[in-house]
Amino acid sequence: MLSIGTVSAGNQAQREYHERQLAQSRDDYYRETEGPAGVWVGAQAEALGLSGEVDIEGFRRMLDGQDPATGEGLGGRMDRRKTVAFDLAFSAPKSVSLLRMAADEETAKTIDRAHERAVLAALSYIEQEGWKGRARVTHDDGTRERITVQGNGAIGVLYRHETTRNADPQLHSHAVLANVVRPDKGDAQAINSPVLYQQAKTAGSVYQAVLRGELGRELGIQFDTPVNGLADIKGFARGLIETFSTRRAEILEGLARRSEEHTSEL
């Protein structure tokens, strides 16, 4: 699945959270030793000569609306935006995460590669269909209107984790993309966020479909019939999936408690 969050201007806690994750290993939230940072992603990142591992200073510059390498402005008056970046989180089905946890090292690496290919495929779709801006243009007759502007790719960082904050197995990646659309012609713009959110479900389905295809081709894994684009490994015990979903259980428990409190107040 794909969920989208935001990084707000001036929200130091959000910035520090992503900085911590970039500085940690891709293995999980709780590894004490530092590992490789995230990597640069997006066609605009490539156009700016950004590749390989992300350094924290470059990430900070991106959130400040600057070229991570040179410090020059990315354009589009990013200093005035409430949202400086979008956090796209791609999560594998729980059964895939559990399989990865129990697998041997070589199988786990194969699952990781399949996940990464699926994420990149979904990001490519987002860049093509969801990374658009809104620009105001003036026609020859003096009238003005706002038009949709196709961006020439995104600038962002990608990093991976294998567990949730509760240490449940959960293979997922975060793509933190700067809120800037840089067209081939004209000024840079802020992202037209409704378009991005409209494309989120399809992008999530692209991720899931590519992941299933890769795991089927590489490991011979078969999946249940997808429902709303999502499917678990065929024959995987539902009880095992529920056992390793403590965050879901906590959410349900909290909803039940609030419902009881509301009922008692009536």
C-alpha atoms as a PDB file:
ATOM      1  CA  MET A   1       0.000   0.000   0.000  1.00  0.00           C
ATOM      2  CA  LEU A   2       0.961   3.660  -0.308  1.00  0.00           C
ATOM      3  CA  SER A   3       0.284   6.317   2.290  1.00  0.00           C
ATOM      4  CA  ILE A   4       1.182   9.995   1.928  1.00  0.00           C
ATOM      5  CA  GLY A   5       2.202  12.337   4.710  1.00  0.00           C
ATOM      6  CA  THR A   6       3.747  15.782   4.689  1.00  0.00           C
ATOM      7  CA  VAL A   7       6.768  17.563   6.132  1.00  0.00           C
ATOM      8  CA  SER A   8       5.732  21.024   7.301  1.00  0.00           C
ATOM      9  CA  ALA A   9       7.895  24.125   7.230  1.00  0.00           C
ATOM     10  CA  GLY A  10       9.192  24.934  10.685  1.00  0.00           C
ATOM     11  CA  ASN A  11       8.228  21.540  12.137  1.00  0.00           C
ATOM     12  CA  GLN A  12      11.572  20.623  13.620  1.00  0.00           C
ATOM     13  CA  ALA A  13      10.309  17.328  15.031  1.00  0.00           C
ATOM     14  CA  GLN A  14       9.390  16.064  11.576  1.00  0.00           C
ATOM     15  CA  ARG A  15      12.723  17.085  10.122  1.00  0.00           C
ATOM     16  CA  GLU A  16      14.664  15.461  12.952  1.00  0.00           C
ATOM     17  CA  TYR A  17      12.623  12.274  12.625  1.00  0.00           C
ATOM     18  CA  HIS A  18      13.606  11.829   8.990  1.00  0.00           C
ATOM     19  CA  GLU A  19      17.189  12.809   9.734  1.00  0.00           C
ATOM     20  CA  ARG A  20      17.370  10.055  12.358  1.00  0.00           C
ATOM     21  CA  GLN A  21      15.968   7.511   9.936  1.00  0.00           C
ATOM     22  CA  LEU A  22      18.438   8.561   7.249  1.00  0.00           C
ATOM     23  CA  ALA A  23      21.295   8.141   9.707  1.00  0.00           C
ATOM     24  CA  GLN A  24      20.192   4.663  10.767  1.00  0.00           C
ATOM     25  CA  SER A  25      20.576   1.365   9.011  1.00  0.00           C
ATOM     26  CA  ARG A  26      17.863   0.221   6.632  1.00  0.00           C
ATOM     27  CA  ASP A  27      17.374  -2.806   8.878  1.00  0.00           C
ATOM     28  CA  ASP A  28      14.930  -1.430  11.462  1.00  0.00           C
ATOM     29  CA  TYR A  29      13.985   1.463  13.730  1.00  0.00           C
ATOM     30  CA  TYR A  30      15.953   0.201  16.704  1.00  0.00           C
ATOM     31  CA  ARG A  31      19.399  -0.707  15.426  1.00  0.00           C
ATOM     32  CA  GLU A  32      21.915   1.142  17.584  1.00  0.00           C
ATOM     33  CA  THR A  33      24.760   1.330  15.083  1.00  0.00           C
ATOM     34  CA  GLU A  34      24.596   3.646  12.121  1.00  0.00           C
ATOM     35  CA  GLY A  35      24.349   2.129   8.691  1.00  0.00           C
ATOM     36  CA  PRO A  36      24.092   3.468   5.155  1.00  0.00           C
ATOM     37  CA  ALA A  37      21.908   6.506   4.689  1.00  0.00           C
ATOM     38  CA  GLY A  38      19.115   6.747   2.146  1.00  0.00           C
ATOM     39  CA  VAL A  39      19.692   7.365  -1.538  1.00  0.00           C
ATOM     40  CA  TRP A  40      18.692  10.170  -3.887  1.00  0.00           C
ATOM     41  CA  VAL A  41      15.750   9.430  -6.179  1.00  0.00           C
ATOM     42  CA  GLY A  42      13.830  11.235  -8.898  1.00  0.00           C
ATOM     43  CA  ALA A  43      14.512  12.491 -12.397  1.00  0.00           C
ATOM     44  CA  GLN A  44      15.209  16.019 -11.150  1.00  0.00           C
ATOM     45  CA  ALA A  45      17.666  14.697  -8.591  1.00  0.00           C
ATOM     46  CA  GLU A  46      19.472  12.952 -11.428  1.00  0.00           C
ATOM     47  CA  ALA A  47      19.385  16.148 -13.516  1.00  0.00           C
ATOM     48  CA  LEU A  48      21.060  17.987 -10.639  1.00  0.00           C
ATOM     49  CA  GLY A  49      23.806  15.358 -10.503  1.00  0.00           C
ATOM     50  CA  LEU A  50      22.551  13.811  -7.262  1.00  0.00           C
ATOM     51  CA  SER A  51      23.090  10.082  -6.875  1.00  0.00           C
ATOM     52  CA  GLY A  52      24.061   7.520  -4.290  1.00  0.00           C
ATOM     53  CA  GLU A  53      23.842   8.004  -0.553  1.00  0.00           C
ATOM     54  CA  VAL A  54      22.267  11.081   0.988  1.00  0.00           C
ATOM     55  CA  ASP A  55      24.179  13.221   3.434  1.00  0.00           C
ATOM     56  CA  ILE A  56      22.221  14.962   6.178  1.00  0.00           C
ATOM     57  CA  GLU A  57      23.292  18.445   5.103  1.00  0.00           C
ATOM     58  CA  GLY A  58      22.065  17.821   1.571  1.00  0.00           C
ATOM     59  CA  PHE A  59      18.725  16.589   2.941  1.00  0.00           C
ATOM     60  CA  ARG A  60      18.400  19.730   5.071  1.00  0.00           C
ATOM     61  CA  ARG A  61      19.095  21.914   2.067  1.00  0.00           C
ATOM     62  CA  MET A  62      16.395  20.125   0.089  1.00  0.00           C
ATOM     63  CA  LEU A  63      13.820  20.826   2.821  1.00  0.00           C
ATOM     64  CA  ASP A  64      14.955  24.470   2.806  1.00  0.00           C
ATOM     65  CA  GLY A  65      14.208  24.717  -0.920  1.00  0.00           C
ATOM     66  CA  GLN A  66      17.830  24.558  -2.017  1.00  0.00           C
ATOM     67  CA  ASP A  67      19.847  22.435  -4.396  1.00  0.00           C
ATOM     68  CA  PRO A  68      21.286  19.764  -2.050  1.00  0.00           C
ATOM     69  CA  ALA A  69      24.675  19.959  -3.759  1.00  0.00           C
ATOM     70  CA  THR A  70      25.171  23.696  -4.313  1.00  0.00           C
ATOM     71  CA  GLY A  71      22.770  25.430  -1.949  1.00  0.00           C
ATOM     72  CA  GLU A  72      21.205  27.411  -4.808  1.00  0.00           C
ATOM     73  CA  GLY A  73      17.446  27.906  -4.700  1.00  0.00           C
ATOM     74  CA  LEU A  74      15.264  25.313  -6.402  1.00  0.00           C
ATOM     75  CA  GLY A  75      12.794  28.031  -7.388  1.00  0.00           C
ATOM     76  CA  GLY A  76       9.091  28.434  -6.845  1.00  0.00           C
ATOM     77  CA  ARG A  77       9.336  30.426  -3.588  1.00  0.00           C
ATOM     78  CA  MET A  78       9.619  27.317  -1.432  1.00  0.00           C
ATOM     79  CA  ASP A  79      10.432  29.556   1.525  1.00  0.00           C
ATOM     80  CA  ARG A  80       6.761  30.590   1.599  1.00  0.00           C
ATOM     81  CA  ARG A  81       5.262  27.086   1.600  1.00  0.00           C
ATOM     82  CA  LYS A  82       3.639  25.412   4.572  1.00  0.00           C
ATOM     83  CA  THR A  83       4.475  21.996   3.128  1.00  0.00           C
ATOM     84  CA  VAL A  84       8.118  21.569   2.113  1.00  0.00           C
ATOM     85  CA  ALA A  85       7.988  17.868   1.233  1.00  0.00           C
ATOM     86  CA  PHE A  86       5.709  14.871   0.823  1.00  0.00           C
ATOM     87  CA  ASP A  87       6.458  11.576   2.583  1.00  0.00           C
ATOM     88  CA  LEU A  88       5.359   8.625   0.440  1.00  0.00           C
ATOM     89  CA  ALA A  89       5.455   5.360   2.414  1.00  0.00           C
ATOM     90  CA  PHE A  90       5.313   2.084   0.449  1.00  0.00           C
ATOM     91  CA  SER A  91       4.521  -0.981   2.576  1.00  0.00           C
ATOM     92  CA  ALA A  92       4.720  -4.637   1.581  1.00  0.00           C
ATOM     93  CA  PRO A  93       1.888  -7.017   2.515  1.00  0.00           C
ATOM     94  CA  LYS A  94       2.308  -8.371   6.043  1.00  0.00           C
ATOM     95  CA  SER A  95       2.833 -11.917   4.746  1.00  0.00           C
ATOM     96  CA  VAL A  96       5.790 -10.739   2.641  1.00  0.00           C
ATOM     97  CA  SER A  97       7.324  -9.015   5.669  1.00  0.00           C
ATOM     98  CA  LEU A  98       6.900 -12.167   7.775  1.00  0.00           C
ATOM     99  CA  LEU A  99       8.424 -14.325   5.043  1.00  0.00           C
ATOM    100  CA  ARG A 100      11.384 -11.990   4.869  1.00  0.00           C
ATOM    101  CA  MET A 101      11.869 -12.201   8.640  1.00  0.00           C
ATOM    102  CA  ALA A 102      11.928 -16.020   8.564  1.00  0.00           C
ATOM    103  CA  ALA A 103      13.883 -16.430   5.328  1.00  0.00           C
ATOM    104  CA  ASP A 104      17.552 -17.200   4.845  1.00  0.00           C
ATOM    105  CA  GLU A 105      19.870 -14.347   3.941  1.00  0.00           C
ATOM    106  CA  GLU A 106      19.791 -14.905   0.193  1.00  0.00           C
ATOM    107  CA  THR A 107      15.993 -15.098   0.067  1.00  0.00           C
ATOM    108  CA  ALA A 108      15.708 -11.987   2.227  1.00  0.00           C
ATOM    109  CA  LYS A 109      17.973 -10.109  -0.199  1.00  0.00           C
ATOM    110  CA  THR A 110      15.815 -11.262  -3.113  1.00  0.00           C
ATOM    111  CA  ILE A 111      12.721  -9.918  -1.351  1.00  0.00           C
ATOM    112  CA  ASP A 112      14.511  -6.624  -0.697  1.00  0.00           C
ATOM    113  CA  ARG A 113      15.416  -6.273  -4.364  1.00  0.00           C
ATOM    114  CA  ALA A 114      11.839  -7.034  -5.415  1.00  0.00           C
ATOM    115  CA  HIS A 115      10.555  -4.423  -2.969  1.00  0.00           C
ATOM    116  CA  GLU A 116      13.003  -1.796  -4.234  1.00  0.00           C
ATOM    117  CA  ARG A 117      12.095  -2.424  -7.879  1.00  0.00           C
ATOM    118  CA  ALA A 118       8.412  -2.133  -7.014  1.00  0.00           C
ATOM    119  CA  VAL A 119       8.981   1.146  -5.157  1.00  0.00           C
ATOM    120  CA  LEU A 120      10.934   2.618  -8.062  1.00  0.00           C
ATOM    121  CA  ALA A 121       8.216   1.557 -10.511  1.00  0.00           C
ATOM    122  CA  ALA A 122       5.579   3.286  -8.390  1.00  0.00           C
ATOM    123  CA  LEU A 123       7.719   6.413  -8.087  1.00  0.00           C
ATOM    124  CA  SER A 124       8.131   6.476 -11.861  1.00  0.00           C
ATOM    125  CA  TYR A 125       4.350   6.418 -12.185  1.00  0.00           C
ATOM    126  CA  ILE A 126       4.038   9.236  -9.631  1.00  0.00           C
ATOM    127  CA  GLU A 127       6.543  11.364 -11.538  1.00  0.00           C
ATOM    128  CA  GLN A 128       4.617  10.894 -14.756  1.00  0.00           C
ATOM    129  CA  GLU A 129       1.017  11.157 -13.531  1.00  0.00           C
ATOM    130  CA  GLY A 130       1.073  12.812 -10.124  1.00  0.00           C
ATOM    131  CA  TRP A 131       3.985  15.260 -10.131  1.00  0.00           C
ATOM    132  CA  LYS A 132       2.236  18.288 -11.578  1.00  0.00           C
ATOM    133  CA  GLY A 133       1.955  21.938 -10.596  1.00  0.00           C
ATOM    134  CA  ARG A 134      -0.454  24.803 -11.123  1.00  0.00           C
ATOM    135  CA  ALA A 135       0.818  27.926 -12.861  1.00  0.00           C
ATOM    136  CA  ARG A 136      -0.889  31.226 -13.643  1.00  0.00           C
ATOM    137  CA  VAL A 137      -0.483  32.327 -17.275  1.00  0.00           C
ATOM    138  CA  THR A 138      -1.461  35.512 -19.107  1.00  0.00           C
ATOM    139  CA  HIS A 139      -2.871  35.180 -22.635  1.00  0.00           C
ATOM    140  CA  ASP A 140      -2.365  37.632 -25.486  1.00  0.00           C
ATOM    141  CA  ASP A 141      -5.791  39.166 -24.816  1.00  0.00           C
ATOM    142  CA  GLY A 142      -4.793  39.947 -21.237  1.00  0.00           C
ATOM    143  CA  THR A 143      -6.893  37.253 -19.581  1.00  0.00           C
ATOM    144  CA  ARG A 144      -5.275  35.067 -16.958  1.00  0.00           C
ATOM    145  CA  GLU A 145      -5.915  31.496 -15.903  1.00  0.00           C
ATOM    146  CA  ARG A 146      -4.314  28.719 -13.899  1.00  0.00           C
ATOM    147  CA  ILE A 147      -3.114  25.720 -15.888  1.00  0.00           C
ATOM    148  CA  THR A 148      -1.668  22.339 -14.993  1.00  0.00           C
ATOM    149  CA  VAL A 149       2.105  22.155 -15.414  1.00  0.00           C
ATOM    150  CA  GLN A 150       3.847  18.841 -15.992  1.00  0.00           C
ATOM    151  CA  GLY A 151       6.922  18.546 -13.818  1.00  0.00           C
ATOM    152  CA  ASN A 152      10.185  17.173 -15.115  1.00  0.00           C
ATOM    153  CA  GLY A 153      10.554  14.648 -12.311  1.00  0.00           C
ATOM    154  CA  ALA A 154      10.984  14.861  -8.542  1.00  0.00           C
ATOM    155  CA  ILE A 155      13.842  15.484  -6.117  1.00  0.00           C
ATOM    156  CA  GLY A 156      13.843  13.267  -3.071  1.00  0.00           C
ATOM    157  CA  VAL A 157      15.443  10.706  -0.811  1.00  0.00           C
ATOM    158  CA  LEU A 158      14.515   7.071  -0.349  1.00  0.00           C
ATOM    159  CA  TYR A 159      15.214   4.933   2.695  1.00  0.00           C
ATOM    160  CA  ARG A 160      13.989   1.534   3.878  1.00  0.00           C
ATOM    161  CA  HIS A 161      12.983  -0.144   7.136  1.00  0.00           C
ATOM    162  CA  GLU A 162      11.978  -3.687   8.017  1.00  0.00           C
ATOM    163  CA  THR A 163       9.883  -3.159  11.151  1.00  0.00           C
ATOM    164  CA  THR A 164       7.295  -0.813  12.601  1.00  0.00           C
ATOM    165  CA  ARG A 165       7.985   1.316  15.658  1.00  0.00           C
ATOM    166  CA  ASN A 166       6.504  -1.548  17.699  1.00  0.00           C
ATOM    167  CA  ALA A 167       9.077  -3.918  16.190  1.00  0.00           C
ATOM    168  CA  ASP A 168       6.453  -5.777  14.134  1.00  0.00           C
ATOM    169  CA  PRO A 169       7.883  -7.125  10.863  1.00  0.00           C
ATOM    170  CA  GLN A 170       6.969  -4.551   8.204  1.00  0.00           C
ATOM    171  CA  LEU A 171       9.077  -4.067   5.108  1.00  0.00           C
ATOM    172  CA  HIS A 172       8.507  -0.503   3.903  1.00  0.00           C
ATOM    173  CA  SER A 173      10.247   2.447   2.292  1.00  0.00           C
ATOM    174  CA  HIS A 174       9.855   6.199   2.672  1.00  0.00           C
ATOM    175  CA  ALA A 175      10.298   8.495  -0.314  1.00  0.00           C
ATOM    176  CA  VAL A 176      10.573  12.085   0.952  1.00  0.00           C
ATOM    177  CA  LEU A 177      10.047  14.313  -2.096  1.00  0.00           C
ATOM    178  CA  ALA A 178      10.590  18.079  -2.132  1.00  0.00           C
ATOM    179  CA  ASN A 179       7.450  20.126  -2.782  1.00  0.00           C
ATOM    180  CA  VAL A 180       8.675  21.584  -6.058  1.00  0.00           C
ATOM    181  CA  VAL A 181       7.642  20.996  -9.670  1.00  0.00           C
ATOM    182  CA  ARG A 182      10.283  22.081 -12.178  1.00  0.00           C
ATOM    183  CA  PRO A 183       8.863  22.101 -15.727  1.00  0.00           C
ATOM    184  CA  ASP A 184      10.941  22.184 -18.892  1.00  0.00           C
ATOM    185  CA  LYS A 185       9.693  25.725 -19.470  1.00  0.00           C
ATOM    186  CA  GLY A 186       8.516  28.366 -17.032  1.00  0.00           C
ATOM    187  CA  ASP A 187       9.011  28.902 -13.322  1.00  0.00           C
ATOM    188  CA  ALA A 188       9.093  26.185 -10.674  1.00  0.00           C
ATOM    189  CA  GLN A 189       5.793  25.610  -8.869  1.00  0.00           C
ATOM    190  CA  ALA A 190       4.448  23.941  -5.764  1.00  0.00           C
ATOM    191  CA  ILE A 191       2.944  20.507  -6.289  1.00  0.00           C
ATOM    192  CA  ASN A 192      -0.747  20.394  -7.159  1.00  0.00           C
ATOM    193  CA  SER A 193      -1.433  18.137  -4.175  1.00  0.00           C
ATOM    194  CA  PRO A 194      -4.975  17.026  -5.157  1.00  0.00           C
ATOM    195  CA  VAL A 195      -3.503  15.432  -8.283  1.00  0.00           C
ATOM    196  CA  LEU A 196      -0.857  13.666  -6.207  1.00  0.00           C
ATOM    197  CA  TYR A 197      -3.429  12.267  -3.783  1.00  0.00           C
ATOM    198  CA  GLN A 198      -5.722  11.252  -6.636  1.00  0.00           C
ATOM    199  CA  GLN A 199      -2.920   9.147  -8.111  1.00  0.00           C
ATOM    200  CA  ALA A 200      -1.903   7.580  -4.794  1.00  0.00           C
ATOM    201  CA  LYS A 201      -4.215   4.548  -5.028  1.00  0.00           C
ATOM    202  CA  THR A 202      -3.043   3.690  -8.539  1.00  0.00           C
ATOM    203  CA  ALA A 203       0.605   4.186  -7.580  1.00  0.00           C
ATOM    204  CA  GLY A 204       0.076   1.889  -4.599  1.00  0.00           C
ATOM    205  CA  SER A 205      -1.438  -0.720  -6.906  1.00  0.00           C
ATOM    206  CA  VAL A 206       1.566  -0.382  -9.244  1.00  0.00           C
ATOM    207  CA  TYR A 207       3.863  -1.063  -6.297  1.00  0.00           C
ATOM    208  CA  GLN A 208       1.876  -4.125  -5.209  1.00  0.00           C
ATOM    209  CA  ALA A 209       1.569  -5.543  -8.742  1.00  0.00           C
ATOM    210  CA  VAL A 210       5.286  -5.188  -9.496  1.00  0.00           C
ATOM    211  CA  LEU A 211       6.175  -6.692  -6.109  1.00  0.00           C
ATOM    212  CA  ARG A 212       3.955  -9.728  -6.776  1.00  0.00           C
ATOM    213  CA  GLY A 213       5.402 -10.115 -10.243  1.00  0.00           C
ATOM    214  CA  GLU A 214       8.992  -9.920  -9.026  1.00  0.00           C
ATOM    215  CA  LEU A 215       8.452 -12.378  -6.182  1.00  0.00           C
ATOM    216  CA  GLY A 216       6.610 -14.747  -8.486  1.00  0.00           C
ATOM    217  CA  ARG A 217       9.405 -14.633 -11.045  1.00  0.00           C
ATOM    218  CA  GLU A 218      12.304 -14.816  -8.578  1.00  0.00           C
ATOM    219  CA  LEU A 219      10.899 -17.137  -5.896  1.00  0.00           C
ATOM    220  CA  GLY A 220       7.835 -18.760  -7.432  1.00  0.00           C
ATOM    221  CA  ILE A 221       5.550 -17.196  -4.813  1.00  0.00           C
ATOM    222  CA  GLN A 222       1.828 -17.162  -5.523  1.00  0.00           C
ATOM    223  CA  PHE A 223      -0.616 -14.644  -4.097  1.00  0.00           C
ATOM    224  CA  ASP A 224      -4.304 -14.554  -3.265  1.00  0.00           C
ATOM    225  CA  THR A 225      -6.623 -12.700  -5.637  1.00  0.00           C
ATOM    226  CA  PRO A 226      -5.991  -8.965  -5.047  1.00  0.00           C
ATOM    227  CA  VAL A 227      -8.705  -6.963  -3.315  1.00  0.00           C
ATOM    228  CA  ASN A 228      -8.409  -3.212  -3.925  1.00  0.00           C
ATOM    229  CA  GLY A 229      -4.932  -3.895  -5.272  1.00  0.00           C
ATOM    230  CA  LEU A 230      -3.738  -5.758  -2.145  1.00  0.00           C
ATOM    231  CA  ALA A 231      -3.004  -9.471  -1.746  1.00  0.00           C
ATOM    232  CA  ASP A 232      -1.133 -11.688   0.704  1.00  0.00           C
ATOM    233  CA  ILE A 233       0.871 -14.807  -0.097  1.00  0.00           C
ATOM    234  CA  LYS A 234      -1.430 -17.683  -0.975  1.00  0.00           C
ATOM    235  CA  GLY A 235      -1.975 -20.024   1.938  1.00  0.00           C
ATOM    236  CA  PHE A 236      -0.275 -17.769   4.486  1.00  0.00           C
ATOM    237  CA  ALA A 237      -1.843 -18.237   7.916  1.00  0.00           C
ATOM    238  CA  ARG A 238      -4.135 -15.327   8.756  1.00  0.00           C
ATOM    239  CA  GLY A 239      -3.607 -15.929  12.469  1.00  0.00           C
ATOM    240  CA  LEU A 240       0.136 -15.427  12.085  1.00  0.00           C
ATOM    241  CA  ILE A 241      -0.438 -12.143  10.287  1.00  0.00           C
ATOM    242  CA  GLU A 242      -2.727 -10.924  13.077  1.00  0.00           C
ATOM    243  CA  THR A 243      -0.211 -11.989  15.733  1.00  0.00           C
ATOM    244  CA  PHE A 244       2.414  -9.715  14.222  1.00  0.00           C
ATOM    245  CA  SER A 245       0.125  -6.717  13.850  1.00  0.00           C
ATOM    246  CA  THR A 246       0.321  -5.177  17.302  1.00  0.00           C
ATOM    247  CA  ARG A 247      -0.093  -1.620  16.029  1.00  0.00           C
ATOM    248  CA  ARG A 248      -3.392  -2.609  14.399  1.00  0.00           C
ATOM    249  CA  ALA A 249      -4.487  -4.224  17.666  1.00  0.00           C
ATOM    250  CA  GLU A 250      -3.581  -1.101  19.615  1.00  0.00           C
ATOM    251  CA  ILE A 251      -5.564   1.076  17.208  1.00  0.00           C
ATOM    252  CA  LEU A 252      -8.632  -1.165  17.487  1.00  0.00           C
ATOM    253  CA  GLU A 253      -8.324  -1.212  21.275  1.00  0.00           C
ATOM    254  CA  GLY A 254      -8.095   2.581  21.348  1.00  0.00           C
ATOM    255  CA  LEU A 255     -11.164   2.953  19.128  1.00  0.00           C
ATOM    256  CA  ALA A 256     -13.141   0.588  21.356  1.00  0.00           C
ATOM    257  CA  ARG A 257     -12.079   2.488  24.477  1.00  0.00           C
ATOM    258  CA  ARG A 258     -13.074   5.852  23.004  1.00  0.00           C
ATOM    259  CA  SER A 259     -16.404   4.375  21.927  1.00  0.00           C
ATOM    260  CA  GLU A 260     -17.077   3.155  25.471  1.00  0.00           C
ATOM    261  CA  GLU A 261     -16.139   6.553  26.908  1.00  0.00           C
ATOM    262  CA  HIS A 262     -18.450   8.306  24.451  1.00  0.00           C
ATOM    263  CA  THR A 263     -21.302   5.931  25.304  1.00  0.00           C
ATOM    264  CA  SER A 264     -20.854   6.519  29.049  1.00  0.00           C
ATOM    265  CA  GLU A 265     -21.118  10.275  28.514  1.00  0.00           C
ATOM    266  CA  LEU A 266     -24.506  10.002  26.793  1.00  0.00           C
END
